[in-house]
N, C-alpha and C. Protein backbone atom coordinates (compact mmCIF):
# COMPACT_ATOMS: atom_id res chain seq x y z
N MET A 1 2.80 -0.24 22.61
CA MET A 1 1.88 -0.77 21.62
C MET A 1 1.64 -2.25 21.91
N ASP A 2 0.39 -2.67 21.96
CA ASP A 2 0.04 -4.07 22.17
C ASP A 2 0.38 -4.86 20.91
N THR A 3 1.28 -5.81 21.03
CA THR A 3 1.67 -6.60 19.87
C THR A 3 1.10 -8.01 19.90
N ALA A 4 0.14 -8.26 20.78
CA ALA A 4 -0.43 -9.60 20.91
C ALA A 4 -1.33 -9.94 19.72
N ASN A 5 -1.86 -8.97 19.02
CA ASN A 5 -2.78 -9.21 17.92
C ASN A 5 -1.99 -9.55 16.66
N ASP A 6 -2.29 -10.70 16.05
CA ASP A 6 -1.57 -11.12 14.85
C ASP A 6 -2.32 -10.81 13.56
N LYS A 7 -3.36 -9.96 13.66
CA LYS A 7 -4.21 -9.65 12.51
C LYS A 7 -4.00 -8.21 12.03
N LEU A 8 -4.12 -8.04 10.71
CA LEU A 8 -3.96 -6.72 10.09
C LEU A 8 -5.02 -6.56 9.02
N PHE A 9 -5.77 -5.46 9.08
CA PHE A 9 -6.73 -5.14 8.02
C PHE A 9 -6.00 -4.35 6.95
N VAL A 10 -6.06 -4.84 5.72
CA VAL A 10 -5.42 -4.16 4.59
C VAL A 10 -6.47 -3.74 3.57
N TYR A 11 -6.20 -2.64 2.88
CA TYR A 11 -7.19 -2.07 1.96
C TYR A 11 -6.56 -1.52 0.69
N GLY A 12 -5.28 -1.76 0.48
CA GLY A 12 -4.59 -1.22 -0.69
C GLY A 12 -3.66 -2.26 -1.30
N ALA A 13 -2.41 -1.86 -1.49
CA ALA A 13 -1.43 -2.72 -2.17
C ALA A 13 -1.23 -4.06 -1.47
N LEU A 14 -1.40 -4.10 -0.15
CA LEU A 14 -1.20 -5.36 0.58
C LEU A 14 -2.33 -6.37 0.39
N MET A 15 -3.37 -6.00 -0.36
CA MET A 15 -4.39 -6.98 -0.73
C MET A 15 -3.85 -7.91 -1.82
N ASN A 16 -2.76 -7.55 -2.45
CA ASN A 16 -2.14 -8.35 -3.50
C ASN A 16 -1.24 -9.41 -2.86
N ALA A 17 -1.60 -10.67 -3.05
CA ALA A 17 -0.83 -11.76 -2.43
C ALA A 17 0.62 -11.75 -2.89
N ALA A 18 0.88 -11.41 -4.15
CA ALA A 18 2.26 -11.38 -4.65
C ALA A 18 3.09 -10.33 -3.91
N GLU A 19 2.49 -9.22 -3.58
CA GLU A 19 3.21 -8.17 -2.83
C GLU A 19 3.51 -8.65 -1.41
N ARG A 20 2.57 -9.35 -0.80
CA ARG A 20 2.82 -9.90 0.55
C ARG A 20 3.95 -10.93 0.52
N ILE A 21 3.96 -11.79 -0.48
CA ILE A 21 5.01 -12.79 -0.60
C ILE A 21 6.36 -12.10 -0.82
N ARG A 22 6.39 -11.08 -1.65
CA ARG A 22 7.63 -10.35 -1.90
C ARG A 22 8.18 -9.75 -0.60
N LEU A 23 7.30 -9.19 0.21
CA LEU A 23 7.73 -8.54 1.45
C LEU A 23 8.07 -9.53 2.55
N LEU A 24 7.20 -10.50 2.77
CA LEU A 24 7.32 -11.38 3.93
C LEU A 24 8.01 -12.70 3.63
N GLY A 25 8.19 -13.01 2.36
CA GLY A 25 8.82 -14.27 1.99
C GLY A 25 7.87 -15.44 2.02
N ARG A 26 6.61 -15.19 2.28
CA ARG A 26 5.58 -16.22 2.31
C ARG A 26 4.22 -15.55 2.21
N ASP A 27 3.22 -16.31 1.82
CA ASP A 27 1.87 -15.76 1.86
C ASP A 27 1.32 -16.00 3.26
N VAL A 28 0.35 -15.23 3.63
CA VAL A 28 -0.31 -15.37 4.92
C VAL A 28 -1.81 -15.51 4.68
N PRO A 29 -2.53 -16.14 5.59
CA PRO A 29 -3.97 -16.27 5.42
C PRO A 29 -4.64 -14.89 5.31
N ALA A 30 -5.62 -14.80 4.41
CA ALA A 30 -6.36 -13.56 4.20
C ALA A 30 -7.84 -13.88 4.05
N MET A 31 -8.68 -13.06 4.67
CA MET A 31 -10.12 -13.25 4.51
C MET A 31 -10.79 -11.89 4.31
N PRO A 32 -11.86 -11.86 3.51
CA PRO A 32 -12.54 -10.59 3.24
C PRO A 32 -13.13 -9.99 4.52
N ALA A 33 -13.15 -8.67 4.56
CA ALA A 33 -13.73 -7.95 5.70
C ALA A 33 -14.05 -6.52 5.25
N ARG A 34 -14.71 -5.79 6.15
CA ARG A 34 -14.99 -4.38 5.85
C ARG A 34 -14.75 -3.54 7.09
N LEU A 35 -14.41 -2.30 6.83
CA LEU A 35 -14.19 -1.31 7.88
C LEU A 35 -15.30 -0.28 7.74
N ASP A 36 -16.20 -0.22 8.73
CA ASP A 36 -17.31 0.72 8.69
C ASP A 36 -16.88 2.09 9.18
N GLY A 37 -17.50 3.13 8.62
CA GLY A 37 -17.25 4.49 9.08
C GLY A 37 -16.01 5.13 8.49
N TYR A 38 -15.46 4.54 7.43
CA TYR A 38 -14.29 5.09 6.74
C TYR A 38 -14.51 5.02 5.23
N ALA A 39 -13.83 5.89 4.52
CA ALA A 39 -13.81 5.87 3.06
C ALA A 39 -12.37 5.71 2.60
N ARG A 40 -12.19 5.05 1.48
CA ARG A 40 -10.84 4.84 0.94
C ARG A 40 -10.56 5.88 -0.13
N GLY A 41 -9.34 6.36 -0.14
CA GLY A 41 -8.88 7.28 -1.17
C GLY A 41 -7.52 6.87 -1.65
N ARG A 42 -7.04 7.60 -2.67
CA ARG A 42 -5.69 7.32 -3.16
C ARG A 42 -5.09 8.59 -3.72
N LYS A 43 -3.93 8.88 -3.25
CA LYS A 43 -3.08 9.90 -3.86
C LYS A 43 -1.92 9.10 -4.43
N ARG A 44 -0.72 9.29 -3.92
CA ARG A 44 0.36 8.41 -4.33
C ARG A 44 0.15 7.01 -3.73
N TYR A 45 -0.42 6.96 -2.53
CA TYR A 45 -0.69 5.71 -1.81
C TYR A 45 -2.16 5.66 -1.43
N PHE A 46 -2.64 4.46 -1.15
CA PHE A 46 -4.00 4.30 -0.64
C PHE A 46 -4.06 4.82 0.80
N PHE A 47 -5.24 5.29 1.19
CA PHE A 47 -5.45 5.72 2.57
C PHE A 47 -6.94 5.59 2.89
N VAL A 48 -7.26 5.60 4.17
CA VAL A 48 -8.65 5.66 4.61
C VAL A 48 -8.80 6.84 5.55
N THR A 49 -9.98 7.44 5.52
CA THR A 49 -10.30 8.55 6.41
C THR A 49 -11.70 8.35 6.97
N PRO A 50 -11.94 8.83 8.19
CA PRO A 50 -13.27 8.69 8.77
C PRO A 50 -14.33 9.32 7.87
N ASN A 51 -15.44 8.61 7.71
CA ASN A 51 -16.54 9.09 6.87
C ASN A 51 -17.79 8.33 7.29
N GLN A 52 -18.61 8.99 8.09
CA GLN A 52 -19.81 8.34 8.62
C GLN A 52 -20.69 7.83 7.48
N GLY A 53 -21.12 6.59 7.59
CA GLY A 53 -21.97 5.97 6.59
C GLY A 53 -21.22 5.27 5.47
N ALA A 54 -19.92 5.46 5.39
CA ALA A 54 -19.12 4.81 4.35
C ALA A 54 -18.56 3.50 4.88
N GLU A 55 -18.02 2.71 3.98
CA GLU A 55 -17.33 1.48 4.38
C GLU A 55 -16.21 1.19 3.38
N VAL A 56 -15.19 0.53 3.87
CA VAL A 56 -14.04 0.16 3.05
C VAL A 56 -13.96 -1.36 3.04
N THR A 57 -13.94 -1.95 1.86
CA THR A 57 -13.73 -3.39 1.77
C THR A 57 -12.23 -3.67 1.72
N GLY A 58 -11.85 -4.75 2.32
CA GLY A 58 -10.45 -5.13 2.35
C GLY A 58 -10.31 -6.56 2.80
N GLU A 59 -9.17 -6.87 3.41
CA GLU A 59 -8.90 -8.22 3.88
C GLU A 59 -8.25 -8.16 5.25
N ILE A 60 -8.50 -9.19 6.03
CA ILE A 60 -7.79 -9.37 7.30
C ILE A 60 -6.69 -10.40 7.04
N LEU A 61 -5.45 -9.98 7.26
CA LEU A 61 -4.33 -10.91 7.22
C LEU A 61 -4.13 -11.44 8.63
N SER A 62 -3.85 -12.72 8.77
CA SER A 62 -3.65 -13.28 10.09
C SER A 62 -2.38 -14.11 10.13
N GLY A 63 -1.97 -14.46 11.35
CA GLY A 63 -0.75 -15.25 11.52
C GLY A 63 0.52 -14.43 11.41
N LEU A 64 0.40 -13.10 11.57
CA LEU A 64 1.57 -12.23 11.49
C LEU A 64 2.31 -12.22 12.82
N ASP A 65 3.63 -12.20 12.76
CA ASP A 65 4.43 -12.16 13.98
C ASP A 65 5.18 -10.83 14.07
N THR A 66 5.95 -10.68 15.13
CA THR A 66 6.68 -9.44 15.37
C THR A 66 7.59 -9.08 14.21
N ALA A 67 8.28 -10.06 13.66
CA ALA A 67 9.18 -9.81 12.53
C ALA A 67 8.39 -9.33 11.31
N ASP A 68 7.21 -9.92 11.06
CA ASP A 68 6.37 -9.48 9.95
C ASP A 68 5.97 -8.01 10.14
N PHE A 69 5.54 -7.67 11.35
CA PHE A 69 5.13 -6.29 11.60
C PHE A 69 6.29 -5.31 11.45
N ARG A 70 7.50 -5.73 11.81
CA ARG A 70 8.66 -4.85 11.59
C ARG A 70 8.84 -4.57 10.10
N ILE A 71 8.71 -5.60 9.27
CA ILE A 71 8.82 -5.45 7.82
C ILE A 71 7.70 -4.55 7.30
N LEU A 72 6.48 -4.83 7.73
CA LEU A 72 5.33 -4.05 7.25
C LEU A 72 5.37 -2.61 7.73
N ASP A 73 5.83 -2.39 8.96
CA ASP A 73 5.97 -1.02 9.47
C ASP A 73 6.96 -0.23 8.61
N ARG A 74 8.07 -0.86 8.21
CA ARG A 74 9.02 -0.18 7.32
C ARG A 74 8.38 0.09 5.96
N TYR A 75 7.68 -0.90 5.42
CA TYR A 75 7.02 -0.78 4.13
C TYR A 75 6.02 0.38 4.14
N GLU A 76 5.28 0.53 5.23
CA GLU A 76 4.28 1.60 5.35
C GLU A 76 4.88 2.92 5.82
N ASP A 77 6.18 2.95 6.03
CA ASP A 77 6.95 4.15 6.40
C ASP A 77 6.43 4.78 7.69
N LEU A 78 6.35 3.93 8.75
CA LEU A 78 5.99 4.43 10.08
C LEU A 78 7.17 5.23 10.63
N PRO A 79 7.00 6.29 11.29
CA PRO A 79 5.73 6.97 11.56
C PRO A 79 5.46 8.13 10.60
N ARG A 80 6.26 8.23 9.54
CA ARG A 80 6.14 9.37 8.64
C ARG A 80 4.82 9.37 7.85
N LEU A 81 4.50 8.26 7.19
CA LEU A 81 3.29 8.22 6.35
C LEU A 81 2.08 7.59 7.04
N TYR A 82 2.32 6.61 7.88
CA TYR A 82 1.23 5.89 8.52
C TYR A 82 1.53 5.64 9.99
N ALA A 83 0.46 5.43 10.74
CA ALA A 83 0.54 4.97 12.13
C ALA A 83 -0.23 3.64 12.17
N ARG A 84 0.26 2.71 12.97
CA ARG A 84 -0.46 1.44 13.12
C ARG A 84 -1.33 1.54 14.36
N GLU A 85 -2.64 1.38 14.14
CA GLU A 85 -3.61 1.51 15.23
C GLU A 85 -4.54 0.30 15.22
N SER A 86 -5.21 0.10 16.33
CA SER A 86 -6.14 -1.00 16.49
C SER A 86 -7.55 -0.53 16.13
N VAL A 87 -8.25 -1.32 15.32
CA VAL A 87 -9.63 -1.00 14.93
C VAL A 87 -10.46 -2.28 14.97
N GLU A 88 -11.75 -2.11 14.86
CA GLU A 88 -12.66 -3.24 14.75
C GLU A 88 -13.20 -3.27 13.32
N VAL A 89 -13.06 -4.42 12.68
CA VAL A 89 -13.62 -4.61 11.35
C VAL A 89 -14.65 -5.72 11.41
N ILE A 90 -15.39 -5.89 10.34
CA ILE A 90 -16.49 -6.86 10.29
C ILE A 90 -16.17 -7.92 9.25
N ASP A 91 -16.21 -9.19 9.65
CA ASP A 91 -15.97 -10.25 8.67
C ASP A 91 -17.24 -10.54 7.88
N THR A 92 -17.17 -11.45 6.93
CA THR A 92 -18.31 -11.71 6.03
C THR A 92 -19.51 -12.31 6.75
N ALA A 93 -19.30 -12.88 7.95
CA ALA A 93 -20.41 -13.42 8.73
C ALA A 93 -21.03 -12.34 9.64
N GLY A 94 -20.48 -11.13 9.60
CA GLY A 94 -21.00 -10.06 10.43
C GLY A 94 -20.38 -9.96 11.81
N ASN A 95 -19.33 -10.74 12.05
CA ASN A 95 -18.66 -10.73 13.35
C ASN A 95 -17.61 -9.63 13.43
N PRO A 96 -17.57 -8.91 14.55
CA PRO A 96 -16.51 -7.91 14.72
C PRO A 96 -15.19 -8.59 15.07
N ILE A 97 -14.13 -8.09 14.47
CA ILE A 97 -12.78 -8.62 14.72
C ILE A 97 -11.85 -7.45 14.97
N ARG A 98 -11.12 -7.51 16.06
CA ARG A 98 -10.13 -6.48 16.41
C ARG A 98 -8.84 -6.79 15.68
N CYS A 99 -8.30 -5.81 14.97
CA CYS A 99 -7.04 -6.00 14.27
C CYS A 99 -6.33 -4.66 14.08
N TRP A 100 -5.10 -4.73 13.61
CA TRP A 100 -4.33 -3.54 13.31
C TRP A 100 -4.74 -2.98 11.96
N ILE A 101 -4.46 -1.70 11.77
CA ILE A 101 -4.65 -1.05 10.47
C ILE A 101 -3.59 0.04 10.36
N TYR A 102 -3.19 0.34 9.15
CA TYR A 102 -2.30 1.47 8.91
C TYR A 102 -3.15 2.67 8.50
N LEU A 103 -3.12 3.70 9.34
CA LEU A 103 -3.88 4.93 9.09
C LEU A 103 -2.91 6.05 8.72
N PRO A 104 -3.30 6.91 7.77
CA PRO A 104 -2.42 7.98 7.34
C PRO A 104 -2.18 9.00 8.45
N THR A 105 -1.03 9.66 8.37
CA THR A 105 -0.62 10.61 9.42
C THR A 105 -0.88 12.07 9.07
N GLY A 106 -1.61 12.35 8.01
CA GLY A 106 -1.93 13.73 7.64
C GLY A 106 -1.52 14.09 6.23
N TRP A 107 -0.64 13.32 5.63
CA TRP A 107 -0.20 13.62 4.26
C TRP A 107 -1.37 13.56 3.27
N GLU A 108 -2.39 12.78 3.58
CA GLU A 108 -3.51 12.61 2.66
C GLU A 108 -4.36 13.87 2.52
N ILE A 109 -4.25 14.80 3.47
CA ILE A 109 -5.01 16.04 3.40
C ILE A 109 -4.22 17.19 2.80
N ASP A 110 -2.93 16.97 2.60
CA ASP A 110 -2.09 18.01 1.98
C ASP A 110 -2.46 18.17 0.52
N ALA A 111 -2.24 19.35 0.00
CA ALA A 111 -2.51 19.63 -1.41
C ALA A 111 -1.65 18.72 -2.28
N GLY A 112 -2.22 18.30 -3.38
CA GLY A 112 -1.44 17.52 -4.35
C GLY A 112 -1.87 16.17 -4.51
């Protein structure tokens, strides 16, 4: 896995600065962004799934290091609930930005 990217697109609980501070011990820079071609849902946890023509609003967190990603990977329960993958999101100026995202591993399609 390429760990050179210090950016993460978040679309659920991690949009809450207090939750980020609780997990990481500090706040990190965040800026609004959108993920095109996906829709957001929620069962017990938030998730996104491919959906042509849809978009998900969220935030790009930046300045994350390897230790931060270890904490966040545990929080997102990798690899059981989520996988961390690289995607392109769009910032408010319309610029594409490559960053990580947590995508569900199939639990979101299970009944319940």
